[in-house]
């Protein structure tokens, strides 16, 4: 179910050539790895669970949910009552969202595996109409399951905090974010790993 994603040497070298500050940070911390989920359907359920809650809470709820419904068993989730789903720690809205996605899987109306062969934009356009699936959710799926290399989320608070830590003289506006996104291309996903890591740095005193 799980896999390890590690920033490649090519991406590290490419980012160091493109941005001096990020490059210095890469030299300091070295290669970074994060855990991903192999199965895209299961990963999408997990991303929904993680929406707008702390990492600790998301992990706890996810463990309870997948203990109850191993591998996100679509038929069982589709047939469960909302109260049964909520007993895993889900909100009413998330229980409904997960059940909707499980029904898509159970009815084979979308091939989540084949979807990964499409471009980042095509995947975004396919998944965003699904109830409960927002841009951040798709971006996490693109990074941690489909392993697309051009993803950096403005909607991710930790990403923006990481930018503020590495560039304390700049406010993380959408304009500045877009500038960095273009500068980091085509290694935006690798940059995301370092920005997440940098988000834990102490705030600079300007």
Protein backbone atom coordinates (compact mmCIF):
# COMPACT_ATOMS: atom_id res chain seq x y z
CA UNK A 1 0.00 0.00 0.00
CA UNK A 2 2.82 2.40 0.87
CA UNK A 3 5.91 3.44 -1.07
CA UNK A 4 8.88 5.71 -0.46
CA UNK A 5 9.40 8.71 -2.72
CA UNK A 6 12.91 10.17 -2.76
CA UNK A 7 14.08 13.34 -4.48
CA UNK A 8 16.40 12.41 -7.34
CA UNK A 9 19.92 13.70 -7.74
CA UNK A 10 18.87 15.23 -11.05
CA UNK A 11 16.13 17.24 -9.33
CA UNK A 12 18.46 18.38 -6.55
CA UNK A 13 21.10 19.50 -9.05
CA UNK A 14 18.49 21.18 -11.23
CA UNK A 15 17.00 23.14 -8.34
CA UNK A 16 20.43 24.22 -7.10
CA UNK A 17 21.15 25.71 -10.52
CA UNK A 18 17.82 27.52 -10.59
CA UNK A 19 17.65 29.05 -7.12
CA UNK A 20 20.53 30.00 -4.82
CA UNK A 21 18.57 30.01 -1.56
CA UNK A 22 16.81 26.73 -2.17
CA UNK A 23 20.09 25.30 -3.43
CA UNK A 24 21.86 26.21 -0.20
CA UNK A 25 19.08 24.54 1.77
CA UNK A 26 19.33 21.40 -0.36
CA UNK A 27 23.07 21.29 0.36
CA UNK A 28 22.29 21.57 4.08
CA UNK A 29 19.65 18.83 4.37
CA UNK A 30 20.56 16.51 1.48
CA UNK A 31 18.15 14.07 -0.20
CA UNK A 32 14.62 13.97 1.20
CA UNK A 33 12.05 11.18 1.18
CA UNK A 34 8.35 11.04 1.96
CA UNK A 35 5.82 8.25 2.12
CA UNK A 36 3.30 7.80 -0.67
CA UNK A 37 0.39 5.44 -1.32
CA UNK A 38 0.58 3.09 -4.29
CA UNK A 39 -3.11 2.65 -5.09
CA UNK A 40 -4.74 5.87 -6.40
CA UNK A 41 -8.25 5.03 -5.20
CA UNK A 42 -7.04 4.35 -1.67
CA UNK A 43 -4.83 7.43 -1.82
CA UNK A 44 -7.77 9.63 -2.82
CA UNK A 45 -9.76 8.39 0.17
CA UNK A 46 -6.78 9.14 2.41
CA UNK A 47 -6.43 12.65 0.96
CA UNK A 48 -10.10 13.35 1.71
CA UNK A 49 -9.59 12.18 5.29
CA UNK A 50 -6.58 14.52 5.63
CA UNK A 51 -8.45 17.63 4.51
CA UNK A 52 -8.36 20.49 7.03
CA UNK A 53 -7.24 18.44 10.03
CA UNK A 54 -3.88 18.07 11.74
CA UNK A 55 -1.48 15.38 10.61
CA UNK A 56 -1.95 13.59 13.93
CA UNK A 57 -5.74 13.60 13.63
CA UNK A 58 -5.61 12.54 9.98
CA UNK A 59 -3.35 9.59 10.80
CA UNK A 60 -5.62 8.45 13.64
CA UNK A 61 -8.80 8.67 11.56
CA UNK A 62 -7.14 7.06 8.54
CA UNK A 63 -5.94 4.11 10.62
CA UNK A 64 -9.40 3.54 12.06
CA UNK A 65 -11.05 3.88 8.66
CA UNK A 66 -8.74 1.47 6.84
CA UNK A 67 -8.82 -0.99 9.74
CA UNK A 68 -12.60 -1.06 9.32
CA UNK A 69 -12.52 -1.02 5.51
CA UNK A 70 -9.24 -2.67 4.42
CA UNK A 71 -7.88 -1.14 1.19
CA UNK A 72 -10.95 1.08 1.13
CA UNK A 73 -13.24 -1.81 0.16
CA UNK A 74 -15.55 0.09 -2.23
CA UNK A 75 -18.63 -2.14 -1.99
CA UNK A 76 -18.61 -2.13 1.81
CA UNK A 77 -18.14 1.64 1.98
CA UNK A 78 -20.85 2.19 -0.64
CA UNK A 79 -23.31 0.06 1.34
CA UNK A 80 -22.41 1.41 4.80
CA UNK A 81 -24.60 3.92 6.58
CA UNK A 82 -23.26 7.41 7.15
CA UNK A 83 -23.32 6.76 10.90
CA UNK A 84 -21.16 3.67 10.40
CA UNK A 85 -18.64 5.69 8.42
CA UNK A 86 -18.70 8.51 10.96
CA UNK A 87 -17.85 6.04 13.72
CA UNK A 88 -14.31 6.04 12.29
CA UNK A 89 -13.99 9.70 13.28
CA UNK A 90 -15.19 11.25 10.04
CA UNK A 91 -17.34 14.34 9.76
CA UNK A 92 -20.73 13.96 8.11
CA UNK A 93 -19.52 15.67 4.94
CA UNK A 94 -16.36 13.55 4.66
CA UNK A 95 -18.38 10.37 5.19
CA UNK A 96 -20.56 11.38 2.26
CA UNK A 97 -17.55 12.28 0.10
CA UNK A 98 -15.83 8.95 0.77
CA UNK A 99 -18.99 7.03 0.04
CA UNK A 100 -19.40 8.89 -3.25
CA UNK A 101 -15.85 8.01 -4.32
CA UNK A 102 -16.35 4.39 -3.25
CA UNK A 103 -19.44 4.20 -5.46
CA UNK A 104 -17.45 5.51 -8.43
CA UNK A 105 -14.92 2.75 -7.81
CA UNK A 106 -17.53 0.04 -7.23
CA UNK A 107 -19.40 0.97 -10.40
CA UNK A 108 -16.17 1.24 -12.45
CA UNK A 109 -17.17 4.63 -13.82
CA UNK A 110 -13.56 5.84 -13.53
CA UNK A 111 -10.33 3.87 -13.90
CA UNK A 112 -8.07 5.48 -11.31
CA UNK A 113 -5.02 3.54 -12.49
CA UNK A 114 -5.39 4.59 -16.13
CA UNK A 115 -6.01 8.16 -15.06
CA UNK A 116 -2.41 8.37 -13.87
CA UNK A 117 -1.18 8.11 -17.46
CA UNK A 118 -2.75 11.47 -18.29
CA UNK A 119 -1.18 14.89 -17.82
CA UNK A 120 -1.37 16.82 -14.57
CA UNK A 121 -3.99 19.15 -16.06
CA UNK A 122 -6.10 16.29 -17.44
CA UNK A 123 -6.10 14.53 -14.07
CA UNK A 124 -7.10 17.80 -12.39
CA UNK A 125 -9.99 18.31 -14.82
CA UNK A 126 -11.20 14.72 -14.31
CA UNK A 127 -11.16 14.68 -10.52
CA UNK A 128 -12.23 18.21 -9.55
CA UNK A 129 -15.91 17.67 -10.49
CA UNK A 130 -16.15 14.85 -7.89
CA UNK A 131 -17.91 16.08 -4.77
CA UNK A 132 -15.45 16.72 -1.94
CA UNK A 133 -12.39 16.74 -4.19
CA UNK A 134 -10.66 20.11 -4.23
CA UNK A 135 -7.49 21.32 -5.85
CA UNK A 136 -5.27 20.55 -2.82
CA UNK A 137 -6.60 16.99 -2.69
CA UNK A 138 -5.77 16.39 -6.35
CA UNK A 139 -2.34 17.97 -5.93
CA UNK A 140 -1.49 15.57 -3.10
CA UNK A 141 -2.64 12.64 -5.22
CA UNK A 142 -0.53 13.90 -8.12
CA UNK A 143 2.55 14.08 -5.90
CA UNK A 144 2.27 11.04 -3.68
CA UNK A 145 0.60 8.49 -5.94
CA UNK A 146 0.86 9.49 -9.58
CA UNK A 147 4.38 10.87 -8.98
CA UNK A 148 3.97 13.87 -11.26
CA UNK A 149 7.03 16.11 -11.06
CA UNK A 150 5.45 19.51 -11.77
CA UNK A 151 3.28 19.99 -8.67
CA UNK A 152 3.57 22.69 -6.01
CA UNK A 153 0.48 23.67 -4.04
CA UNK A 154 -0.30 27.29 -3.22
CA UNK A 155 -3.21 25.97 -1.18
CA UNK A 156 -0.87 24.08 1.15
CA UNK A 157 -0.17 26.14 4.25
CA UNK A 158 3.11 24.35 5.00
CA UNK A 159 4.39 25.03 1.47
CA UNK A 160 3.69 28.74 1.90
CA UNK A 161 5.30 28.70 5.34
CA UNK A 162 8.38 27.02 3.87
CA UNK A 163 8.63 29.76 1.26
CA UNK A 164 8.41 32.40 3.97
CA UNK A 165 11.19 30.69 5.94
CA UNK A 166 13.55 30.45 2.95
CA UNK A 167 12.68 33.89 1.57
CA UNK A 168 12.02 35.98 4.71
CA UNK A 169 12.36 39.21 2.74
CA UNK A 170 9.41 38.23 0.52
CA UNK A 171 5.72 37.94 1.34
CA UNK A 172 4.32 34.70 -0.08
CA UNK A 173 1.80 36.28 -2.42
CA UNK A 174 0.31 34.33 -5.31
CA UNK A 175 2.50 36.39 -7.63
CA UNK A 176 5.71 35.45 -5.80
CA UNK A 177 4.58 31.83 -5.55
CA UNK A 178 4.01 31.74 -9.32
CA UNK A 179 7.47 33.21 -9.87
CA UNK A 180 9.01 30.40 -7.84
CA UNK A 181 6.84 27.80 -9.55
CA UNK A 182 8.22 28.86 -12.92
CA UNK A 183 11.77 29.11 -11.59
CA UNK A 184 11.70 25.60 -10.15
CA UNK A 185 10.35 23.99 -13.35
CA UNK A 186 10.41 21.11 -14.15
CA UNK A 187 11.21 20.07 -10.56
CA UNK A 188 8.34 21.66 -8.64
CA UNK A 189 7.45 18.45 -6.80
CA UNK A 190 11.02 18.07 -5.54
CA UNK A 191 10.94 21.71 -4.46
CA UNK A 192 7.74 20.95 -2.53
CA UNK A 193 9.60 18.32 -0.49
CA UNK A 194 12.17 20.93 0.56
CA UNK A 195 9.57 23.62 1.24
CA UNK A 196 7.64 21.22 3.49
CA UNK A 197 10.88 20.49 5.31
CA UNK A 198 11.73 24.20 5.58
CA UNK A 199 8.31 24.96 7.06
CA UNK A 200 9.63 23.66 10.40
CA UNK A 201 12.45 26.22 10.52
CA UNK A 202 12.10 28.99 13.11
CA UNK A 203 10.60 32.21 11.83
CA UNK A 204 13.16 34.80 10.81
CA UNK A 205 13.25 38.06 12.75
CA UNK A 206 13.15 40.73 10.09
